[in-house]
């Protein structure tokens, strides 16, 4: 189990129109200029947008893998430790973060493509 930073970057390639921008010690993940995540290569962690309910459930279920990053309105951002998660689960979380951020028409096309 565990995902490398390079593997995480390959997961991103499955998302339409994602962009990675350098923030110094971190990289911002965006779709059409709106953020859905952050990558800290040095600590091998990512921060991902989620709902507050999902954030709390993930942290309560596996606090060794997930931790609360911050809450903003109806969104609860969660930190994910890459070395403690498998690729499939990580893809689900990244896709969910992207779907919470991308325009509805893009989300519909993405979900149709994946048959979600």
N, C-alpha and C. Protein backbone atom coordinates (compact mmCIF):
# COMPACT_ATOMS: atom_id res chain seq x y z
N UNK A 1 0.84 -1.18 0.00
CA UNK A 1 0.00 0.00 0.00
C UNK A 1 0.89 1.24 0.00
N UNK A 2 0.33 2.30 -0.44
CA UNK A 2 1.05 3.55 -0.51
C UNK A 2 1.18 4.02 -1.94
N UNK A 3 1.17 5.33 -2.11
CA UNK A 3 1.25 5.94 -3.43
C UNK A 3 2.41 6.94 -3.41
N UNK A 4 3.25 6.87 -4.42
CA UNK A 4 4.35 7.83 -4.52
C UNK A 4 3.80 9.16 -5.06
N UNK A 5 4.60 10.20 -4.96
CA UNK A 5 4.23 11.50 -5.53
C UNK A 5 4.04 11.37 -7.04
N UNK A 6 4.93 10.64 -7.70
CA UNK A 6 4.79 10.44 -9.15
C UNK A 6 3.50 9.72 -9.49
N UNK A 7 3.14 8.70 -8.70
CA UNK A 7 1.88 8.00 -8.94
C UNK A 7 0.69 8.94 -8.73
N UNK A 8 0.78 9.79 -7.72
CA UNK A 8 -0.28 10.77 -7.50
C UNK A 8 -0.44 11.69 -8.71
N UNK A 9 0.67 12.13 -9.25
CA UNK A 9 0.62 13.01 -10.42
C UNK A 9 0.00 12.29 -11.62
N UNK A 10 0.21 10.99 -11.73
CA UNK A 10 -0.43 10.20 -12.79
C UNK A 10 -1.94 10.08 -12.57
N UNK A 11 -2.36 10.01 -11.31
CA UNK A 11 -3.79 10.00 -10.99
C UNK A 11 -4.45 11.27 -11.52
N UNK A 12 -3.78 12.39 -11.35
CA UNK A 12 -4.32 13.67 -11.83
C UNK A 12 -4.56 13.66 -13.33
N UNK A 13 -3.75 12.92 -14.07
CA UNK A 13 -3.87 12.89 -15.53
C UNK A 13 -5.20 12.32 -16.00
N UNK A 14 -5.93 11.67 -15.11
CA UNK A 14 -7.24 11.11 -15.47
C UNK A 14 -8.34 12.17 -15.39
N UNK A 15 -8.01 13.36 -14.91
CA UNK A 15 -8.99 14.43 -14.75
C UNK A 15 -8.92 15.42 -15.91
N UNK A 16 -10.06 15.83 -16.45
CA UNK A 16 -10.06 16.83 -17.51
C UNK A 16 -9.63 18.21 -17.01
N UNK A 17 -8.86 18.88 -17.80
CA UNK A 17 -8.51 20.29 -17.60
C UNK A 17 -7.93 20.64 -16.23
N UNK A 18 -7.24 19.70 -15.60
CA UNK A 18 -6.60 20.03 -14.33
C UNK A 18 -5.32 20.83 -14.61
N UNK A 19 -4.95 21.65 -13.66
CA UNK A 19 -3.69 22.41 -13.74
C UNK A 19 -2.98 22.29 -12.40
N UNK A 20 -1.66 22.25 -12.46
CA UNK A 20 -0.83 22.26 -11.25
C UNK A 20 0.00 23.53 -11.30
N UNK A 21 -0.07 24.32 -10.24
CA UNK A 21 0.74 25.53 -10.19
C UNK A 21 1.61 25.53 -8.94
N UNK A 22 2.83 26.03 -9.10
CA UNK A 22 3.82 26.03 -8.02
C UNK A 22 3.53 27.12 -7.01
N UNK A 23 3.50 26.73 -5.75
CA UNK A 23 3.29 27.68 -4.67
C UNK A 23 4.49 27.76 -3.74
N UNK A 24 5.65 27.33 -4.21
CA UNK A 24 6.84 27.33 -3.35
C UNK A 24 7.04 25.96 -2.76
N UNK A 25 6.63 25.76 -1.52
CA UNK A 25 6.79 24.46 -0.86
C UNK A 25 5.60 23.54 -1.12
N UNK A 26 4.65 23.99 -1.91
CA UNK A 26 3.47 23.19 -2.25
C UNK A 26 3.05 23.49 -3.68
N UNK A 27 2.18 22.64 -4.19
CA UNK A 27 1.63 22.84 -5.53
C UNK A 27 0.10 22.86 -5.42
N UNK A 28 -0.52 23.82 -6.07
CA UNK A 28 -1.97 23.94 -6.07
C UNK A 28 -2.55 23.15 -7.25
N UNK A 29 -3.66 22.48 -7.01
CA UNK A 29 -4.36 21.71 -8.03
C UNK A 29 -5.64 22.45 -8.35
N UNK A 30 -5.85 22.76 -9.62
CA UNK A 30 -7.00 23.57 -10.01
C UNK A 30 -7.68 23.01 -11.25
N UNK A 31 -8.95 23.37 -11.38
CA UNK A 31 -9.72 23.14 -12.60
C UNK A 31 -10.40 24.46 -12.92
N UNK A 32 -10.10 24.97 -14.11
CA UNK A 32 -10.62 26.26 -14.57
C UNK A 32 -10.43 27.36 -13.52
N UNK A 33 -9.25 27.38 -12.92
CA UNK A 33 -8.88 28.44 -11.99
C UNK A 33 -9.39 28.27 -10.57
N UNK A 34 -10.10 27.22 -10.30
CA UNK A 34 -10.65 26.98 -8.95
C UNK A 34 -9.94 25.80 -8.30
N UNK A 35 -9.52 25.97 -7.07
CA UNK A 35 -8.74 24.96 -6.38
C UNK A 35 -9.53 23.79 -5.85
N UNK A 36 -8.97 22.59 -6.04
CA UNK A 36 -9.57 21.38 -5.47
C UNK A 36 -8.56 20.58 -4.65
N UNK A 37 -7.31 21.02 -4.61
CA UNK A 37 -6.33 20.28 -3.83
C UNK A 37 -4.97 20.95 -3.79
N UNK A 38 -4.11 20.38 -2.94
CA UNK A 38 -2.73 20.83 -2.78
C UNK A 38 -1.84 19.62 -2.64
N UNK A 39 -0.62 19.74 -3.08
CA UNK A 39 0.37 18.67 -2.94
C UNK A 39 1.59 19.23 -2.24
N UNK A 40 2.02 18.55 -1.18
CA UNK A 40 3.27 18.87 -0.49
C UNK A 40 4.20 17.68 -0.70
N UNK A 41 5.11 17.83 -1.68
CA UNK A 41 5.99 16.71 -2.02
C UNK A 41 6.89 16.31 -0.86
N UNK A 42 7.39 17.30 -0.13
CA UNK A 42 8.34 17.01 0.96
C UNK A 42 7.74 16.10 2.02
N UNK A 43 6.46 16.31 2.36
CA UNK A 43 5.82 15.49 3.39
C UNK A 43 5.00 14.34 2.80
N UNK A 44 4.98 14.25 1.46
CA UNK A 44 4.20 13.22 0.77
C UNK A 44 2.75 13.22 1.23
N UNK A 45 2.16 14.43 1.25
CA UNK A 45 0.76 14.57 1.61
C UNK A 45 0.05 15.42 0.56
N UNK A 46 -1.26 15.23 0.50
CA UNK A 46 -2.10 16.08 -0.34
C UNK A 46 -3.27 16.56 0.50
N UNK A 47 -3.73 17.76 0.20
CA UNK A 47 -4.94 18.29 0.79
C UNK A 47 -6.01 18.28 -0.27
N UNK A 48 -7.18 17.72 0.05
CA UNK A 48 -8.24 17.60 -0.93
C UNK A 48 -9.56 18.16 -0.41
N UNK A 49 -10.26 18.82 -1.29
CA UNK A 49 -11.58 19.38 -0.99
C UNK A 49 -12.57 18.23 -0.83
N UNK A 50 -13.45 18.39 0.14
CA UNK A 50 -14.47 17.39 0.40
C UNK A 50 -15.64 18.07 1.06
N UNK A 51 -16.69 17.33 1.34
CA UNK A 51 -17.77 17.87 2.16
C UNK A 51 -17.34 17.78 3.63
N UNK A 52 -17.94 18.58 4.47
CA UNK A 52 -17.61 18.52 5.89
C UNK A 52 -17.94 17.14 6.46
N UNK A 53 -19.10 16.59 6.09
CA UNK A 53 -19.48 15.26 6.59
C UNK A 53 -18.47 14.20 6.20
N UNK A 54 -18.03 14.23 4.94
CA UNK A 54 -17.05 13.24 4.48
C UNK A 54 -15.70 13.45 5.17
N UNK A 55 -15.31 14.70 5.34
CA UNK A 55 -14.06 15.01 6.04
C UNK A 55 -14.07 14.38 7.43
N UNK A 56 -15.14 14.61 8.17
CA UNK A 56 -15.23 14.09 9.54
C UNK A 56 -15.26 12.57 9.57
N UNK A 57 -15.97 11.96 8.61
CA UNK A 57 -16.04 10.50 8.56
C UNK A 57 -14.68 9.89 8.25
N UNK A 58 -13.96 10.45 7.28
CA UNK A 58 -12.64 9.92 6.92
C UNK A 58 -11.67 9.99 8.11
N UNK A 59 -11.65 11.13 8.77
CA UNK A 59 -10.72 11.32 9.89
C UNK A 59 -11.09 10.41 11.06
N UNK A 60 -12.38 10.27 11.33
CA UNK A 60 -12.81 9.40 12.43
C UNK A 60 -12.50 7.94 12.15
N UNK A 61 -12.66 7.54 10.89
CA UNK A 61 -12.45 6.14 10.51
C UNK A 61 -10.98 5.74 10.49
N UNK A 62 -10.11 6.65 9.96
CA UNK A 62 -8.69 6.30 9.81
C UNK A 62 -7.81 7.53 10.06
N UNK A 63 -7.65 7.91 11.33
CA UNK A 63 -6.86 9.11 11.64
C UNK A 63 -5.38 8.97 11.32
N UNK A 64 -4.90 7.76 11.05
CA UNK A 64 -3.51 7.58 10.66
C UNK A 64 -3.30 7.92 9.18
N UNK A 65 -4.39 7.95 8.40
CA UNK A 65 -4.33 8.22 6.96
C UNK A 65 -4.79 9.65 6.66
N UNK A 66 -5.81 10.11 7.38
CA UNK A 66 -6.45 11.39 7.11
C UNK A 66 -6.39 12.31 8.32
N UNK A 67 -6.30 13.60 8.05
CA UNK A 67 -6.41 14.59 9.12
C UNK A 67 -7.14 15.82 8.59
N UNK A 68 -7.78 16.51 9.50
CA UNK A 68 -8.50 17.72 9.12
C UNK A 68 -7.49 18.79 8.74
N UNK A 69 -7.70 19.40 7.57
CA UNK A 69 -6.86 20.51 7.15
C UNK A 69 -7.53 21.81 7.54
N UNK A 70 -8.72 22.08 7.00
CA UNK A 70 -9.51 23.24 7.39
C UNK A 70 -10.93 23.07 6.86
N UNK A 71 -11.82 23.92 7.33
CA UNK A 71 -13.20 23.93 6.87
C UNK A 71 -13.50 25.32 6.33
N UNK A 72 -14.19 25.35 5.20
CA UNK A 72 -14.59 26.63 4.60
C UNK A 72 -16.01 26.47 4.07
N UNK A 73 -16.96 27.06 4.77
CA UNK A 73 -18.36 26.92 4.38
C UNK A 73 -18.80 25.47 4.47
N UNK A 74 -19.34 24.96 3.38
CA UNK A 74 -19.82 23.57 3.38
C UNK A 74 -18.73 22.56 3.03
N UNK A 75 -17.51 23.05 2.84
CA UNK A 75 -16.41 22.17 2.45
C UNK A 75 -15.46 21.91 3.60
N UNK A 76 -15.04 20.67 3.72
CA UNK A 76 -14.06 20.27 4.71
C UNK A 76 -12.86 19.67 3.99
N UNK A 77 -11.76 20.35 4.05
CA UNK A 77 -10.54 19.88 3.38
C UNK A 77 -9.85 18.87 4.27
N UNK A 78 -9.34 17.82 3.66
CA UNK A 78 -8.69 16.74 4.40
C UNK A 78 -7.28 16.54 3.86
N UNK A 79 -6.34 16.30 4.77
CA UNK A 79 -4.97 15.94 4.41
C UNK A 79 -4.91 14.43 4.29
N UNK A 80 -4.30 13.96 3.20
CA UNK A 80 -4.15 12.53 2.94
C UNK A 80 -2.67 12.19 2.94
N UNK A 81 -2.28 11.20 3.73
CA UNK A 81 -0.90 10.72 3.76
C UNK A 81 -0.74 9.68 2.64
N UNK A 82 0.02 10.04 1.60
CA UNK A 82 0.14 9.19 0.42
C UNK A 82 0.70 7.81 0.71
N UNK A 83 1.58 7.70 1.69
CA UNK A 83 2.19 6.40 1.98
C UNK A 83 1.25 5.45 2.72
N UNK A 84 0.02 5.91 3.02
CA UNK A 84 -0.91 5.07 3.79
C UNK A 84 -2.24 4.84 3.06
N UNK A 85 -2.26 5.10 1.75
CA UNK A 85 -3.50 4.96 0.99
C UNK A 85 -3.20 4.23 -0.32
N UNK A 86 -4.18 3.49 -0.83
CA UNK A 86 -3.94 2.83 -2.12
C UNK A 86 -4.44 3.71 -3.26
N UNK A 87 -3.99 3.39 -4.44
CA UNK A 87 -4.27 4.22 -5.61
C UNK A 87 -5.75 4.36 -5.91
N UNK A 88 -6.51 3.27 -5.81
CA UNK A 88 -7.93 3.32 -6.13
C UNK A 88 -8.69 4.25 -5.19
N UNK A 89 -8.42 4.14 -3.91
CA UNK A 89 -9.09 5.02 -2.95
C UNK A 89 -8.66 6.47 -3.17
N UNK A 90 -7.38 6.68 -3.45
CA UNK A 90 -6.90 8.03 -3.72
C UNK A 90 -7.58 8.62 -4.94
N UNK A 91 -7.72 7.82 -6.01
CA UNK A 91 -8.40 8.30 -7.20
C UNK A 91 -9.82 8.74 -6.88
N UNK A 92 -10.55 7.95 -6.09
CA UNK A 92 -11.91 8.32 -5.70
C UNK A 92 -11.95 9.66 -4.99
N UNK A 93 -11.02 9.88 -4.08
CA UNK A 93 -10.99 11.13 -3.32
C UNK A 93 -10.62 12.32 -4.21
N UNK A 94 -9.65 12.12 -5.09
CA UNK A 94 -9.23 13.18 -6.01
C UNK A 94 -10.36 13.51 -6.98
N UNK A 95 -11.01 12.48 -7.51
CA UNK A 95 -12.12 12.70 -8.44
C UNK A 95 -13.27 13.42 -7.75
N UNK A 96 -13.54 13.06 -6.51
CA UNK A 96 -14.61 13.74 -5.76
C UNK A 96 -14.26 15.21 -5.53
N UNK A 97 -13.02 15.48 -5.17
CA UNK A 97 -12.59 16.87 -4.98
C UNK A 97 -12.72 17.67 -6.27
N UNK A 98 -12.32 17.05 -7.38
CA UNK A 98 -12.43 17.69 -8.69
C UNK A 98 -13.90 17.95 -9.02
N UNK A 99 -14.76 16.96 -8.78
CA UNK A 99 -16.20 17.09 -9.08
C UNK A 99 -16.87 18.17 -8.24
N UNK A 100 -16.41 18.38 -7.02
CA UNK A 100 -16.96 19.44 -6.17
C UNK A 100 -16.57 20.83 -6.67
N UNK A 101 -15.62 20.89 -7.59
CA UNK A 101 -15.03 22.16 -8.01
C UNK A 101 -15.30 22.49 -9.47
N UNK A 102 -15.29 21.52 -10.33
CA UNK A 102 -15.44 21.73 -11.78
C UNK A 102 -16.86 22.18 -12.13
N UNK A 103 -17.03 22.84 -13.26
CA UNK A 103 -18.37 23.21 -13.73
C UNK A 103 -19.24 21.96 -13.94
N UNK A 104 -20.54 22.11 -13.74
CA UNK A 104 -21.46 20.97 -13.79
C UNK A 104 -21.41 20.20 -15.11
N UNK A 105 -21.28 20.91 -16.23
CA UNK A 105 -21.26 20.21 -17.52
C UNK A 105 -20.00 19.34 -17.64
N UNK A 106 -18.88 19.82 -17.11
CA UNK A 106 -17.65 19.02 -17.13
C UNK A 106 -17.79 17.80 -16.23
N UNK A 107 -18.42 17.99 -15.07
CA UNK A 107 -18.61 16.89 -14.13
C UNK A 107 -19.50 15.82 -14.77
N UNK A 108 -20.59 16.23 -15.41
CA UNK A 108 -21.50 15.28 -16.05
C UNK A 108 -20.78 14.46 -17.12
N UNK A 109 -19.97 15.12 -17.95
CA UNK A 109 -19.24 14.42 -19.00
C UNK A 109 -18.20 13.47 -18.40
N UNK A 110 -17.53 13.90 -17.34
CA UNK A 110 -16.53 13.07 -16.66
C UNK A 110 -17.18 11.84 -16.05
N UNK A 111 -18.29 12.04 -15.35
CA UNK A 111 -18.98 10.92 -14.72
C UNK A 111 -19.52 9.95 -15.76
N UNK A 112 -20.01 10.47 -16.87
CA UNK A 112 -20.50 9.60 -17.95
C UNK A 112 -19.36 8.76 -18.52
N UNK A 113 -18.23 9.39 -18.72
CA UNK A 113 -17.05 8.69 -19.25
C UNK A 113 -16.62 7.56 -18.32
N UNK A 114 -16.66 7.82 -17.01
CA UNK A 114 -16.27 6.81 -16.03
C UNK A 114 -17.40 5.88 -15.66
N UNK A 115 -18.61 6.20 -16.13
CA UNK A 115 -19.82 5.45 -15.79
C UNK A 115 -20.03 5.41 -14.28
N UNK A 116 -19.94 6.60 -13.64
CA UNK A 116 -20.15 6.71 -12.20
C UNK A 116 -21.62 6.78 -11.87
